[in-house]
Amino acid sequence: MKSLEELKAIRDKARQNINVRGESEAAVRIVVGMATCGIAAGARPVLNAFADEVARRGLKDVMVTQTGCIGICQFEPVVEVFAPGKEKVTYVKMTPEKVAEVITEHIVNGRPVTKYTIGANQ
């Protein structure tokens, strides 16, 4: 970076990426628990799979983010989905292989995949 213009270009690109990730009040938020228990159980590949799938599909109203401990370590990796006007859905024992189905059924079509939710795994 050699000039203020280059810095502004970097800033503008970063702002555009933030908008692509869907940081708006109407955005669906996919939150992956990334405390030490989640990471040890495989949360990092799950987080990456969600981010990759959202980007691959070009879903602009979806934000993938991480959080610390969700408090149900025995069910890690844990993923919570927050959609405006809907009840939170908690997915447990997530794997990267389950991500595409959750994106298709829940995020795109609005039908939670109940077989992966905490209620089905107790």
PDB file of N, CA and C in Angstrom:
ATOM      1  N   MET A   1       0.858  -1.162   0.000  1.00  0.00           N
ATOM      2  CA  MET A   1       0.000   0.000   0.000  1.00  0.00           C
ATOM      3  C   MET A   1       0.902   1.222   0.000  1.00  0.00           C
ATOM      4  N   LYS A   2       0.718   2.038  -1.007  1.00  0.00           N
ATOM      5  CA  LYS A   2       1.601   3.187  -1.162  1.00  0.00           C
ATOM      6  C   LYS A   2       0.892   4.527  -1.135  1.00  0.00           C
ATOM      7  N   SER A   3      -0.443   4.500  -1.113  1.00  0.00           N
ATOM      8  CA  SER A   3      -1.141   5.781  -1.147  1.00  0.00           C
ATOM      9  C   SER A   3      -2.477   5.679  -0.411  1.00  0.00           C
ATOM     10  N   LEU A   4      -3.025   6.843  -0.150  1.00  0.00           N
ATOM     11  CA  LEU A   4      -4.329   6.915   0.494  1.00  0.00           C
ATOM     12  C   LEU A   4      -5.406   6.309  -0.404  1.00  0.00           C
ATOM     13  N   GLU A   5      -5.251   6.451  -1.712  1.00  0.00           N
ATOM     14  CA  GLU A   5      -6.228   5.883  -2.650  1.00  0.00           C
ATOM     15  C   GLU A   5      -6.256   4.354  -2.555  1.00  0.00           C
ATOM     16  N   GLU A   6      -5.081   3.752  -2.410  1.00  0.00           N
ATOM     17  CA  GLU A   6      -5.028   2.291  -2.259  1.00  0.00           C
ATOM     18  C   GLU A   6      -5.719   1.864  -0.969  1.00  0.00           C
ATOM     19  N   LEU A   7      -5.494   2.617   0.094  1.00  0.00           N
ATOM     20  CA  LEU A   7      -6.138   2.313   1.365  1.00  0.00           C
ATOM     21  C   LEU A   7      -7.654   2.435   1.236  1.00  0.00           C
ATOM     22  N   LYS A   8      -8.118   3.468   0.552  1.00  0.00           N
ATOM     23  CA  LYS A   8      -9.555   3.630   0.338  1.00  0.00           C
ATOM     24  C   LYS A   8     -10.129   2.490  -0.496  1.00  0.00           C
ATOM     25  N   ALA A   9      -9.380   2.034  -1.488  1.00  0.00           N
ATOM     26  CA  ALA A   9      -9.827   0.906  -2.317  1.00  0.00           C
ATOM     27  C   ALA A   9      -9.952  -0.363  -1.474  1.00  0.00           C
ATOM     28  N   ILE A  10      -9.001  -0.575  -0.575  1.00  0.00           N
ATOM     29  CA  ILE A  10      -9.065  -1.739   0.320  1.00  0.00           C
ATOM     30  C   ILE A  10     -10.283  -1.631   1.228  1.00  0.00           C
ATOM     31  N   ARG A  11     -10.521  -0.434   1.768  1.00  0.00           N
ATOM     32  CA  ARG A  11     -11.683  -0.210   2.625  1.00  0.00           C
ATOM     33  C   ARG A  11     -12.983  -0.489   1.876  1.00  0.00           C
ATOM     34  N   ASP A  12     -13.085   0.029   0.654  1.00  0.00           N
ATOM     35  CA  ASP A  12     -14.298  -0.166  -0.130  1.00  0.00           C
ATOM     36  C   ASP A  12     -14.535  -1.640  -0.447  1.00  0.00           C
ATOM     37  N   LYS A  13     -13.469  -2.355  -0.749  1.00  0.00           N
ATOM     38  CA  LYS A  13     -13.604  -3.789  -1.020  1.00  0.00           C
ATOM     39  C   LYS A  13     -14.056  -4.527   0.246  1.00  0.00           C
ATOM     40  N   ALA A  14     -13.493  -4.160   1.390  1.00  0.00           N
ATOM     41  CA  ALA A  14     -13.896  -4.786   2.653  1.00  0.00           C
ATOM     42  C   ALA A  14     -15.363  -4.508   2.953  1.00  0.00           C
ATOM     43  N   ARG A  15     -15.814  -3.292   2.727  1.00  0.00           N
ATOM     44  CA  ARG A  15     -17.225  -2.953   2.938  1.00  0.00           C
ATOM     45  C   ARG A  15     -18.131  -3.763   2.018  1.00  0.00           C
ATOM     46  N   GLN A  16     -17.694  -3.940   0.777  1.00  0.00           N
ATOM     47  CA  GLN A  16     -18.474  -4.739  -0.172  1.00  0.00           C
ATOM     48  C   GLN A  16     -18.567  -6.184   0.310  1.00  0.00           C
ATOM     49  N   ASN A  17     -17.473  -6.730   0.828  1.00  0.00           N
ATOM     50  CA  ASN A  17     -17.490  -8.101   1.342  1.00  0.00           C
ATOM     51  C   ASN A  17     -18.401  -8.238   2.545  1.00  0.00           C
ATOM     52  N   ILE A  18     -18.416  -7.214   3.387  1.00  0.00           N
ATOM     53  CA  ILE A  18     -19.313  -7.245   4.539  1.00  0.00           C
ATOM     54  C   ILE A  18     -20.756  -7.304   4.054  1.00  0.00           C
ATOM     55  N   ASN A  19     -21.101  -6.520   3.050  1.00  0.00           N
ATOM     56  CA  ASN A  19     -22.454  -6.536   2.512  1.00  0.00           C
ATOM     57  C   ASN A  19     -22.783  -7.877   1.871  1.00  0.00           C
ATOM     58  N   VAL A  20     -21.800  -8.503   1.219  1.00  0.00           N
ATOM     59  CA  VAL A  20     -22.021  -9.807   0.609  1.00  0.00           C
ATOM     60  C   VAL A  20     -22.335 -10.841   1.688  1.00  0.00           C
ATOM     61  N   ARG A  21     -21.693 -10.717   2.849  1.00  0.00           N
ATOM     62  CA  ARG A  21     -21.951 -11.658   3.931  1.00  0.00           C
ATOM     63  C   ARG A  21     -23.329 -11.443   4.536  1.00  0.00           C
ATOM     64  N   GLY A  22     -23.982 -10.362   4.201  1.00  0.00           N
ATOM     65  CA  GLY A  22     -25.363 -10.186   4.621  1.00  0.00           C
ATOM     66  C   GLY A  22     -25.572  -9.497   5.942  1.00  0.00           C
ATOM     67  N   GLU A  23     -24.695  -8.599   6.327  1.00  0.00           N
ATOM     68  CA  GLU A  23     -24.873  -7.915   7.595  1.00  0.00           C
ATOM     69  C   GLU A  23     -25.957  -6.853   7.477  1.00  0.00           C
ATOM     70  N   SER A  24     -27.185  -7.299   7.516  1.00  0.00           N
ATOM     71  CA  SER A  24     -28.308  -6.379   7.526  1.00  0.00           C
ATOM     72  C   SER A  24     -29.277  -6.871   8.588  1.00  0.00           C
ATOM     73  N   GLU A  25     -30.213  -6.045   8.947  1.00  0.00           N
ATOM     74  CA  GLU A  25     -31.153  -6.441   9.989  1.00  0.00           C
ATOM     75  C   GLU A  25     -32.046  -7.587   9.547  1.00  0.00           C
ATOM     76  N   ALA A  26     -32.251  -7.768   8.256  1.00  0.00           N
ATOM     77  CA  ALA A  26     -33.119  -8.818   7.747  1.00  0.00           C
ATOM     78  C   ALA A  26     -32.366 -10.116   7.484  1.00  0.00           C
ATOM     79  N   ALA A  27     -31.056 -10.144   7.755  1.00  0.00           N
ATOM     80  CA  ALA A  27     -30.233 -11.298   7.415  1.00  0.00           C
ATOM     81  C   ALA A  27     -30.493 -12.496   8.321  1.00  0.00           C
ATOM     82  N   VAL A  28     -30.390 -13.646   7.732  1.00  0.00           N
ATOM     83  CA  VAL A  28     -30.362 -14.893   8.489  1.00  0.00           C
ATOM     84  C   VAL A  28     -28.951 -15.019   9.042  1.00  0.00           C
ATOM     85  N   ARG A  29     -28.846 -15.355  10.316  1.00  0.00           N
ATOM     86  CA  ARG A  29     -27.528 -15.536  10.929  1.00  0.00           C
ATOM     87  C   ARG A  29     -27.325 -17.011  11.253  1.00  0.00           C
ATOM     88  N   ILE A  30     -26.212 -17.560  10.780  1.00  0.00           N
ATOM     89  CA  ILE A  30     -25.792 -18.916  11.113  1.00  0.00           C
ATOM     90  C   ILE A  30     -24.609 -18.761  12.043  1.00  0.00           C
ATOM     91  N   VAL A  31     -24.775 -19.221  13.293  1.00  0.00           N
ATOM     92  CA  VAL A  31     -23.762 -19.005  14.321  1.00  0.00           C
ATOM     93  C   VAL A  31     -23.199 -20.363  14.756  1.00  0.00           C
ATOM     94  N   VAL A  32     -21.891 -20.522  14.587  1.00  0.00           N
ATOM     95  CA  VAL A  32     -21.221 -21.777  14.932  1.00  0.00           C
ATOM     96  C   VAL A  32     -20.484 -21.589  16.250  1.00  0.00           C
ATOM     97  N   GLY A  33     -20.716 -22.496  17.202  1.00  0.00           N
ATOM     98  CA  GLY A  33     -20.026 -22.460  18.485  1.00  0.00           C
ATOM     99  C   GLY A  33     -18.567 -22.834  18.305  1.00  0.00           C
ATOM    100  N   MET A  34     -17.672 -21.897  18.634  1.00  0.00           N
ATOM    101  CA  MET A  34     -16.243 -22.119  18.418  1.00  0.00           C
ATOM    102  C   MET A  34     -15.440 -21.991  19.711  1.00  0.00           C
ATOM    103  N   ALA A  35     -16.008 -22.443  20.823  1.00  0.00           N
ATOM    104  CA  ALA A  35     -15.229 -22.526  22.050  1.00  0.00           C
ATOM    105  C   ALA A  35     -14.313 -23.748  21.919  1.00  0.00           C
ATOM    106  N   THR A  36     -13.468 -23.973  22.904  1.00  0.00           N
ATOM    107  CA  THR A  36     -12.514 -25.083  22.791  1.00  0.00           C
ATOM    108  C   THR A  36     -13.209 -26.431  22.614  1.00  0.00           C
ATOM    109  N   CYS A  37     -14.364 -26.607  23.254  1.00  0.00           N
ATOM    110  CA  CYS A  37     -15.084 -27.869  23.106  1.00  0.00           C
ATOM    111  C   CYS A  37     -15.602 -28.042  21.680  1.00  0.00           C
ATOM    112  N   GLY A  38     -16.094 -26.976  21.090  1.00  0.00           N
ATOM    113  CA  GLY A  38     -16.585 -27.029  19.722  1.00  0.00           C
ATOM    114  C   GLY A  38     -15.463 -27.279  18.731  1.00  0.00           C
ATOM    115  N   ILE A  39     -14.357 -26.568  18.915  1.00  0.00           N
ATOM    116  CA  ILE A  39     -13.213 -26.751  18.025  1.00  0.00           C
ATOM    117  C   ILE A  39     -12.697 -28.184  18.113  1.00  0.00           C
ATOM    118  N   ALA A  40     -12.602 -28.717  19.337  1.00  0.00           N
ATOM    119  CA  ALA A  40     -12.126 -30.088  19.518  1.00  0.00           C
ATOM    120  C   ALA A  40     -13.059 -31.103  18.864  1.00  0.00           C
ATOM    121  N   ALA A  41     -14.353 -30.774  18.793  1.00  0.00           N
ATOM    122  CA  ALA A  41     -15.337 -31.692  18.213  1.00  0.00           C
ATOM    123  C   ALA A  41     -15.468 -31.527  16.698  1.00  0.00           C
ATOM    124  N   GLY A  42     -14.787 -30.531  16.112  1.00  0.00           N
ATOM    125  CA  GLY A  42     -14.827 -30.368  14.664  1.00  0.00           C
ATOM    126  C   GLY A  42     -15.605 -29.174  14.157  1.00  0.00           C
ATOM    127  N   ALA A  43     -15.745 -28.133  14.974  1.00  0.00           N
ATOM    128  CA  ALA A  43     -16.531 -26.968  14.566  1.00  0.00           C
ATOM    129  C   ALA A  43     -15.873 -26.153  13.450  1.00  0.00           C
ATOM    130  N   ARG A  44     -14.558 -26.130  13.390  1.00  0.00           N
ATOM    131  CA  ARG A  44     -13.887 -25.312  12.372  1.00  0.00           C
ATOM    132  C   ARG A  44     -14.238 -25.771  10.949  1.00  0.00           C
ATOM    133  N   PRO A  45     -14.176 -27.076  10.634  1.00  0.00           N
ATOM    134  CA  PRO A  45     -14.595 -27.492   9.292  1.00  0.00           C
ATOM    135  C   PRO A  45     -16.080 -27.225   9.025  1.00  0.00           C
ATOM    136  N   VAL A  46     -16.908 -27.258  10.061  1.00  0.00           N
ATOM    137  CA  VAL A  46     -18.335 -26.953   9.908  1.00  0.00           C
ATOM    138  C   VAL A  46     -18.501 -25.474   9.563  1.00  0.00           C
ATOM    139  N   LEU A  47     -17.821 -24.606  10.281  1.00  0.00           N
ATOM    140  CA  LEU A  47     -17.863 -23.171  10.002  1.00  0.00           C
ATOM    141  C   LEU A  47     -17.416 -22.897   8.570  1.00  0.00           C
ATOM    142  N   ASN A  48     -16.308 -23.502   8.174  1.00  0.00           N
ATOM    143  CA  ASN A  48     -15.797 -23.313   6.811  1.00  0.00           C
ATOM    144  C   ASN A  48     -16.780 -23.832   5.771  1.00  0.00           C
ATOM    145  N   ALA A  49     -17.425 -24.961   6.037  1.00  0.00           N
ATOM    146  CA  ALA A  49     -18.388 -25.528   5.089  1.00  0.00           C
ATOM    147  C   ALA A  49     -19.593 -24.600   4.921  1.00  0.00           C
ATOM    148  N   PHE A  50     -20.090 -24.033   6.021  1.00  0.00           N
ATOM    149  CA  PHE A  50     -21.204 -23.077   5.922  1.00  0.00           C
ATOM    150  C   PHE A  50     -20.791 -21.854   5.119  1.00  0.00           C
ATOM    151  N   ALA A  51     -19.631 -21.284   5.429  1.00  0.00           N
ATOM    152  CA  ALA A  51     -19.172 -20.093   4.712  1.00  0.00           C
ATOM    153  C   ALA A  51     -18.990 -20.398   3.227  1.00  0.00           C
ATOM    154  N   ASP A  52     -18.406 -21.541   2.907  1.00  0.00           N
ATOM    155  CA  ASP A  52     -18.191 -21.917   1.508  1.00  0.00           C
ATOM    156  C   ASP A  52     -19.513 -22.126   0.767  1.00  0.00           C
ATOM    157  N   GLU A  53     -20.456 -22.800   1.417  1.00  0.00           N
ATOM    158  CA  GLU A  53     -21.742 -23.086   0.763  1.00  0.00           C
ATOM    159  C   GLU A  53     -22.546 -21.807   0.537  1.00  0.00           C
ATOM    160  N   VAL A  54     -22.532 -20.908   1.507  1.00  0.00           N
ATOM    161  CA  VAL A  54     -23.233 -19.630   1.357  1.00  0.00           C
ATOM    162  C   VAL A  54     -22.603 -18.833   0.210  1.00  0.00           C
ATOM    163  N   ALA A  55     -21.287 -18.813   0.156  1.00  0.00           N
ATOM    164  CA  ALA A  55     -20.596 -18.086  -0.916  1.00  0.00           C
ATOM    165  C   ALA A  55     -20.844 -18.746  -2.271  1.00  0.00           C
ATOM    166  N   ARG A  56     -20.783 -20.067  -2.327  1.00  0.00           N
ATOM    167  CA  ARG A  56     -20.981 -20.793  -3.578  1.00  0.00           C
ATOM    168  C   ARG A  56     -22.358 -20.521  -4.173  1.00  0.00           C
ATOM    169  N   ARG A  57     -23.361 -20.428  -3.296  1.00  0.00           N
ATOM    170  CA  ARG A  57     -24.730 -20.183  -3.753  1.00  0.00           C
ATOM    171  C   ARG A  57     -25.027 -18.703  -3.947  1.00  0.00           C
ATOM    172  N   GLY A  58     -24.123 -17.855  -3.508  1.00  0.00           N
ATOM    173  CA  GLY A  58     -24.336 -16.412  -3.646  1.00  0.00           C
ATOM    174  C   GLY A  58     -25.467 -15.894  -2.784  1.00  0.00           C
ATOM    175  N   LEU A  59     -25.639 -16.463  -1.589  1.00  0.00           N
ATOM    176  CA  LEU A  59     -26.715 -16.045  -0.686  1.00  0.00           C
ATOM    177  C   LEU A  59     -26.300 -14.754   0.006  1.00  0.00           C
ATOM    178  N   LYS A  60     -26.878 -13.646  -0.416  1.00  0.00           N
ATOM    179  CA  LYS A  60     -26.469 -12.344   0.087  1.00  0.00           C
ATOM    180  C   LYS A  60     -27.169 -11.943   1.384  1.00  0.00           C
ATOM    181  N   ASP A  61     -28.236 -12.616   1.745  1.00  0.00           N
ATOM    182  CA  ASP A  61     -28.964 -12.269   2.960  1.00  0.00           C
ATOM    183  C   ASP A  61     -28.642 -13.212   4.108  1.00  0.00           C
ATOM    184  N   VAL A  62     -27.511 -13.904   4.030  1.00  0.00           N
ATOM    185  CA  VAL A  62     -27.111 -14.883   5.043  1.00  0.00           C
ATOM    186  C   VAL A  62     -25.727 -14.515   5.559  1.00  0.00           C
ATOM    187  N   MET A  63     -25.607 -14.473   6.890  1.00  0.00           N
ATOM    188  CA  MET A  63     -24.329 -14.179   7.522  1.00  0.00           C
ATOM    189  C   MET A  63     -23.893 -15.395   8.328  1.00  0.00           C
ATOM    190  N   VAL A  64     -22.680 -15.843   8.101  1.00  0.00           N
ATOM    191  CA  VAL A  64     -22.098 -16.945   8.870  1.00  0.00           C
ATOM    192  C   VAL A  64     -21.103 -16.338   9.833  1.00  0.00           C
ATOM    193  N   THR A  65     -21.251 -16.662  11.106  1.00  0.00           N
ATOM    194  CA  THR A  65     -20.369 -16.100  12.121  1.00  0.00           C
ATOM    195  C   THR A  65     -20.091 -17.152  13.185  1.00  0.00           C
ATOM    196  N   GLN A  66     -19.272 -16.785  14.137  1.00  0.00           N
ATOM    197  CA  GLN A  66     -18.934 -17.715  15.216  1.00  0.00           C
ATOM    198  C   GLN A  66     -19.188 -17.070  16.558  1.00  0.00           C
ATOM    199  N   THR A  67     -19.279 -17.917  17.568  1.00  0.00           N
ATOM    200  CA  THR A  67     -19.465 -17.450  18.931  1.00  0.00           C
ATOM    201  C   THR A  67     -18.649 -18.348  19.850  1.00  0.00           C
ATOM    202  N   GLY A  68     -18.648 -18.018  21.110  1.00  0.00           N
ATOM    203  CA  GLY A  68     -17.956 -18.834  22.099  1.00  0.00           C
ATOM    204  C   GLY A  68     -18.842 -19.986  22.534  1.00  0.00           C
ATOM    205  N   CYS A  69     -18.760 -20.315  23.791  1.00  0.00           N
ATOM    206  CA  CYS A  69     -19.484 -21.461  24.333  1.00  0.00           C
ATOM    207  C   CYS A  69     -20.992 -21.238  24.286  1.00  0.00           C
ATOM    208  N   ILE A  70     -21.701 -22.216  23.765  1.00  0.00           N
ATOM    209  CA  ILE A  70     -23.159 -22.172  23.718  1.00  0.00           C
ATOM    210  C   ILE A  70     -23.732 -22.878  24.948  1.00  0.00           C
ATOM    211  N   GLY A  71     -22.937 -23.738  25.569  1.00  0.00           N
ATOM    212  CA  GLY A  71     -23.325 -24.338  26.838  1.00  0.00           C
ATOM    213  C   GLY A  71     -23.834 -25.766  26.769  1.00  0.00           C
ATOM    214  N   ILE A  72     -23.756 -26.394  25.641  1.00  0.00           N
ATOM    215  CA  ILE A  72     -24.209 -27.791  25.524  1.00  0.00           C
ATOM    216  C   ILE A  72     -23.092 -28.621  24.882  1.00  0.00           C
ATOM    217  N   CYS A  73     -21.987 -28.706  25.602  1.00  0.00           N
ATOM    218  CA  CYS A  73     -20.757 -29.296  25.072  1.00  0.00           C
ATOM    219  C   CYS A  73     -20.933 -30.723  24.564  1.00  0.00           C
ATOM    220  N   GLN A  74     -21.801 -31.484  25.181  1.00  0.00           N
ATOM    221  CA  GLN A  74     -21.981 -32.877  24.767  1.00  0.00           C
ATOM    222  C   GLN A  74     -22.587 -33.003  23.379  1.00  0.00           C
ATOM    223  N   PHE A  75     -23.102 -31.900  22.824  1.00  0.00           N
ATOM    224  CA  PHE A  75     -23.738 -31.919  21.502  1.00  0.00           C
ATOM    225  C   PHE A  75     -22.903 -31.213  20.425  1.00  0.00           C
ATOM    226  N   GLU A  76     -21.660 -30.861  20.737  1.00  0.00           N
ATOM    227  CA  GLU A  76     -20.804 -30.158  19.780  1.00  0.00           C
ATOM    228  C   GLU A  76     -20.504 -31.026  18.567  1.00  0.00           C
ATOM    229  N   PRO A  77     -20.256 -30.394  17.453  1.00  0.00           N
ATOM    230  CA  PRO A  77     -20.377 -28.990  17.092  1.00  0.00           C
ATOM    231  C   PRO A  77     -21.838 -28.534  17.042  1.00  0.00           C
ATOM    232  N   VAL A  78     -22.080 -27.346  17.598  1.00  0.00           N
ATOM    233  CA  VAL A  78     -23.422 -26.778  17.686  1.00  0.00           C
ATOM    234  C   VAL A  78     -23.511 -25.572  16.747  1.00  0.00           C
ATOM    235  N   VAL A  79     -24.627 -25.502  16.028  1.00  0.00           N
ATOM    236  CA  VAL A  79     -24.888 -24.392  15.107  1.00  0.00           C
ATOM    237  C   VAL A  79     -26.285 -23.860  15.398  1.00  0.00           C
ATOM    238  N   GLU A  80     -26.387 -22.551  15.576  1.00  0.00           N
ATOM    239  CA  GLU A  80     -27.689 -21.923  15.787  1.00  0.00           C
ATOM    240  C   GLU A  80     -28.031 -21.079  14.565  1.00  0.00           C
ATOM    241  N   VAL A  81     -29.300 -21.145  14.157  1.00  0.00           N
ATOM    242  CA  VAL A  81     -29.776 -20.366  13.015  1.00  0.00           C
ATOM    243  C   VAL A  81     -30.842 -19.403  13.513  1.00  0.00           C
ATOM    244  N   PHE A  82     -30.600 -18.124  13.264  1.00  0.00           N
ATOM    245  CA  PHE A  82     -31.525 -17.068  13.647  1.00  0.00           C
ATOM    246  C   PHE A  82     -32.091 -16.456  12.369  1.00  0.00           C
ATOM    247  N   ALA A  83     -33.402 -16.509  12.226  1.00  0.00           N
ATOM    248  CA  ALA A  83     -34.068 -15.907  11.069  1.00  0.00           C
ATOM    249  C   ALA A  83     -35.088 -14.900  11.585  1.00  0.00           C
ATOM    250  N   PRO A  84     -35.206 -13.753  10.934  1.00  0.00           N
ATOM    251  CA  PRO A  84     -36.141 -12.732  11.389  1.00  0.00           C
ATOM    252  C   PRO A  84     -37.563 -13.273  11.488  1.00  0.00           C
ATOM    253  N   GLY A  85     -38.182 -13.036  12.636  1.00  0.00           N
ATOM    254  CA  GLY A  85     -39.565 -13.435  12.831  1.00  0.00           C
ATOM    255  C   GLY A  85     -39.777 -14.916  13.083  1.00  0.00           C
ATOM    256  N   LYS A  86     -38.689 -15.682  13.237  1.00  0.00           N
ATOM    257  CA  LYS A  86     -38.809 -17.120  13.462  1.00  0.00           C
ATOM    258  C   LYS A  86     -38.065 -17.512  14.726  1.00  0.00           C
ATOM    259  N   GLU A  87     -38.427 -18.652  15.269  1.00  0.00           N
ATOM    260  CA  GLU A  87     -37.763 -19.165  16.448  1.00  0.00           C
ATOM    261  C   GLU A  87     -36.371 -19.672  16.094  1.00  0.00           C
ATOM    262  N   LYS A  88     -35.428 -19.501  17.017  1.00  0.00           N
ATOM    263  CA  LYS A  88     -34.063 -19.989  16.813  1.00  0.00           C
ATOM    264  C   LYS A  88     -34.089 -21.505  16.648  1.00  0.00           C
ATOM    265  N   VAL A  89     -33.251 -22.016  15.734  1.00  0.00           N
ATOM    266  CA  VAL A  89     -33.109 -23.457  15.529  1.00  0.00           C
ATOM    267  C   VAL A  89     -31.686 -23.828  15.908  1.00  0.00           C
ATOM    268  N   THR A  90     -31.551 -24.854  16.756  1.00  0.00           N
ATOM    269  CA  THR A  90     -30.237 -25.302  17.207  1.00  0.00           C
ATOM    270  C   THR A  90     -29.930 -26.671  16.615  1.00  0.00           C
ATOM    271  N   TYR A  91     -28.899 -26.705  15.767  1.00  0.00           N
ATOM    272  CA  TYR A  91     -28.426 -27.961  15.190  1.00  0.00           C
ATOM    273  C   TYR A  91     -27.269 -28.479  16.024  1.00  0.00           C
ATOM    274  N   VAL A  92     -27.235 -29.789  16.240  1.00  0.00           N
ATOM    275  CA  VAL A  92     -26.207 -30.387  17.078  1.00  0.00           C
ATOM    276  C   VAL A  92     -25.499 -31.511  16.334  1.00  0.00           C
ATOM    277  N   LYS A  93     -24.299 -31.811  16.843  1.00  0.00           N
ATOM    278  CA  LYS A  93     -23.469 -32.865  16.249  1.00  0.00           C
ATOM    279  C   LYS A  93     -23.333 -32.657  14.735  1.00  0.00           C
ATOM    280  N   MET A  94     -23.120 -31.397  14.365  1.00  0.00           N
ATOM    281  CA  MET A  94     -23.018 -31.043  12.947  1.00  0.00           C
ATOM    282  C   MET A  94     -21.712 -31.535  12.351  1.00  0.00           C
ATOM    283  N   THR A  95     -21.775 -31.822  11.069  1.00  0.00           N
ATOM    284  CA  THR A  95     -20.592 -32.198  10.298  1.00  0.00           C
ATOM    285  C   THR A  95     -20.619 -31.401   8.997  1.00  0.00           C
ATOM    286  N   PRO A  96     -19.479 -31.281   8.341  1.00  0.00           N
ATOM    287  CA  PRO A  96     -19.481 -30.589   7.047  1.00  0.00           C
ATOM    288  C   PRO A  96     -20.403 -31.259   6.030  1.00  0.00           C
ATOM    289  N   GLU A  97     -20.587 -32.560   6.148  1.00  0.00           N
ATOM    290  CA  GLU A  97     -21.441 -33.289   5.211  1.00  0.00           C
ATOM    291  C   GLU A  97     -22.925 -32.921   5.354  1.00  0.00           C
ATOM    292  N   LYS A  98     -23.332 -32.447   6.510  1.00  0.00           N
ATOM    293  CA  LYS A  98     -24.729 -32.075   6.740  1.00  0.00           C
ATOM    294  C   LYS A  98     -25.042 -30.645   6.286  1.00  0.00           C
ATOM    295  N   VAL A  99     -24.016 -29.858   6.058  1.00  0.00           N
ATOM    296  CA  VAL A  99     -24.189 -28.429   5.798  1.00  0.00           C
ATOM    297  C   VAL A  99     -25.028 -28.154   4.552  1.00  0.00           C
ATOM    298  N   ALA A 100     -24.739 -28.813   3.443  1.00  0.00           N
ATOM    299  CA  ALA A 100     -25.473 -28.545   2.196  1.00  0.00           C
ATOM    300  C   ALA A 100     -26.963 -28.793   2.373  1.00  0.00           C
ATOM    301  N   GLU A 101     -27.325 -29.852   3.104  1.00  0.00           N
ATOM    302  CA  GLU A 101     -28.743 -30.148   3.343  1.00  0.00           C
ATOM    303  C   GLU A 101     -29.392 -29.061   4.196  1.00  0.00           C
ATOM    304  N   VAL A 102     -28.690 -28.592   5.229  1.00  0.00           N
ATOM    305  CA  VAL A 102     -29.229 -27.529   6.080  1.00  0.00           C
ATOM    306  C   VAL A 102     -29.396 -26.237   5.273  1.00  0.00           C
ATOM    307  N   ILE A 103     -28.423 -25.910   4.445  1.00  0.00           N
ATOM    308  CA  ILE A 103     -28.538 -24.702   3.618  1.00  0.00           C
ATOM    309  C   ILE A 103     -29.730 -24.826   2.671  1.00  0.00           C
ATOM    310  N   THR A 104     -29.841 -25.959   1.978  1.00  0.00           N
ATOM    311  CA  THR A 104     -30.919 -26.141   1.008  1.00  0.00           C
ATOM    312  C   THR A 104     -32.282 -26.134   1.675  1.00  0.00           C
ATOM    313  N   GLU A 105     -32.453 -26.981   2.667  1.00  0.00           N
ATOM    314  CA  GLU A 105     -33.773 -27.146   3.271  1.00  0.00           C
ATOM    315  C   GLU A 105     -34.160 -25.978   4.181  1.00  0.00           C
ATOM    316  N   HIS A 106     -33.252 -25.596   5.082  1.00  0.00           N
ATOM    317  CA  HIS A 106     -33.616 -24.585   6.073  1.00  0.00           C
ATOM    318  C   HIS A 106     -33.409 -23.167   5.564  1.00  0.00           C
ATOM    319  N   ILE A 107     -32.203 -22.860   5.112  1.00  0.00           N
ATOM    320  CA  ILE A 107     -31.890 -21.483   4.758  1.00  0.00           C
ATOM    321  C   ILE A 107     -32.604 -21.059   3.478  1.00  0.00           C
ATOM    322  N   VAL A 108     -32.584 -21.902   2.453  1.00  0.00           N
ATOM    323  CA  VAL A 108     -33.195 -21.536   1.171  1.00  0.00           C
ATOM    324  C   VAL A 108     -34.705 -21.779   1.174  1.00  0.00           C
ATOM    325  N   ASN A 109     -35.144 -22.959   1.663  1.00  0.00           N
ATOM    326  CA  ASN A 109     -36.563 -23.325   1.576  1.00  0.00           C
ATOM    327  C   ASN A 109     -37.365 -23.088   2.857  1.00  0.00           C
ATOM    328  N   GLY A 110     -36.696 -22.683   3.943  1.00  0.00           N
ATOM    329  CA  GLY A 110     -37.406 -22.338   5.179  1.00  0.00           C
ATOM    330  C   GLY A 110     -37.931 -23.496   5.990  1.00  0.00           C
ATOM    331  N   ARG A 111     -37.406 -24.698   5.752  1.00  0.00           N
ATOM    332  CA  ARG A 111     -37.845 -25.881   6.498  1.00  0.00           C
ATOM    333  C   ARG A 111     -36.680 -26.440   7.306  1.00  0.00           C
ATOM    334  N   PRO A 112     -36.652 -26.204   8.633  1.00  0.00           N
ATOM    335  CA  PRO A 112     -35.563 -26.740   9.449  1.00  0.00           C
ATOM    336  C   PRO A 112     -35.428 -28.258   9.275  1.00  0.00           C
ATOM    337  N   VAL A 113     -34.198 -28.721   9.311  1.00  0.00           N
ATOM    338  CA  VAL A 113     -33.901 -30.148   9.187  1.00  0.00           C
ATOM    339  C   VAL A 113     -33.943 -30.732  10.598  1.00  0.00           C
ATOM    340  N   THR A 114     -35.130 -31.157  11.013  1.00  0.00           N
ATOM    341  CA  THR A 114     -35.345 -31.534  12.414  1.00  0.00           C
ATOM    342  C   THR A 114     -34.508 -32.722  12.869  1.00  0.00           C
ATOM    343  N   LYS A 115     -34.106 -33.594  11.963  1.00  0.00           N
ATOM    344  CA  LYS A 115     -33.313 -34.756  12.380  1.00  0.00           C
ATOM    345  C   LYS A 115     -31.938 -34.359  12.905  1.00  0.00           C
ATOM    346  N   TYR A 116     -31.488 -33.139  12.641  1.00  0.00           N
ATOM    347  CA  TYR A 116     -30.210 -32.664  13.141  1.00  0.00           C
ATOM    348  C   TYR A 116     -30.340 -31.703  14.315  1.00  0.00           C
ATOM    349  N   THR A 117     -31.565 -31.447  14.777  1.00  0.00           N
ATOM    350  CA  THR A 117     -31.782 -30.468  15.837  1.00  0.00           C
ATOM    351  C   THR A 117     -31.607 -31.090  17.208  1.00  0.00           C
ATOM    352  N   ILE A 118     -31.520 -30.234  18.191  1.00  0.00           N
ATOM    353  CA  ILE A 118     -31.288 -30.694  19.558  1.00  0.00           C
ATOM    354  C   ILE A 118     -32.457 -31.559  20.042  1.00  0.00           C
ATOM    355  N   GLY A 119     -33.675 -31.252  19.634  1.00  0.00           N
ATOM    356  CA  GLY A 119     -34.829 -32.034  20.053  1.00  0.00           C
ATOM    357  C   GLY A 119     -34.780 -33.478  19.590  1.00  0.00           C
ATOM    358  N   ALA A 120     -34.200 -33.708  18.433  1.00  0.00           N
ATOM    359  CA  ALA A 120     -34.113 -35.075  17.883  1.00  0.00           C
ATOM    360  C   ALA A 120     -32.929 -35.843  18.446  1.00  0.00           C
ATOM    361  N   ASN A 121     -32.012 -35.163  19.133  1.00  0.00           N
ATOM    362  CA  ASN A 121     -30.786 -35.800  19.601  1.00  0.00           C
ATOM    363  C   ASN A 121     -30.664 -35.909  21.118  1.00  0.00           C
ATOM    364  N   GLN A 122     -31.762 -35.775  21.816  1.00  0.00           N
ATOM    365  CA  GLN A 122     -31.690 -35.872  23.284  1.00  0.00           C
ATOM    366  C   GLN A 122     -31.963 -37.259  23.763  1.00  0.00           C
TER     367      GLN A 122
END
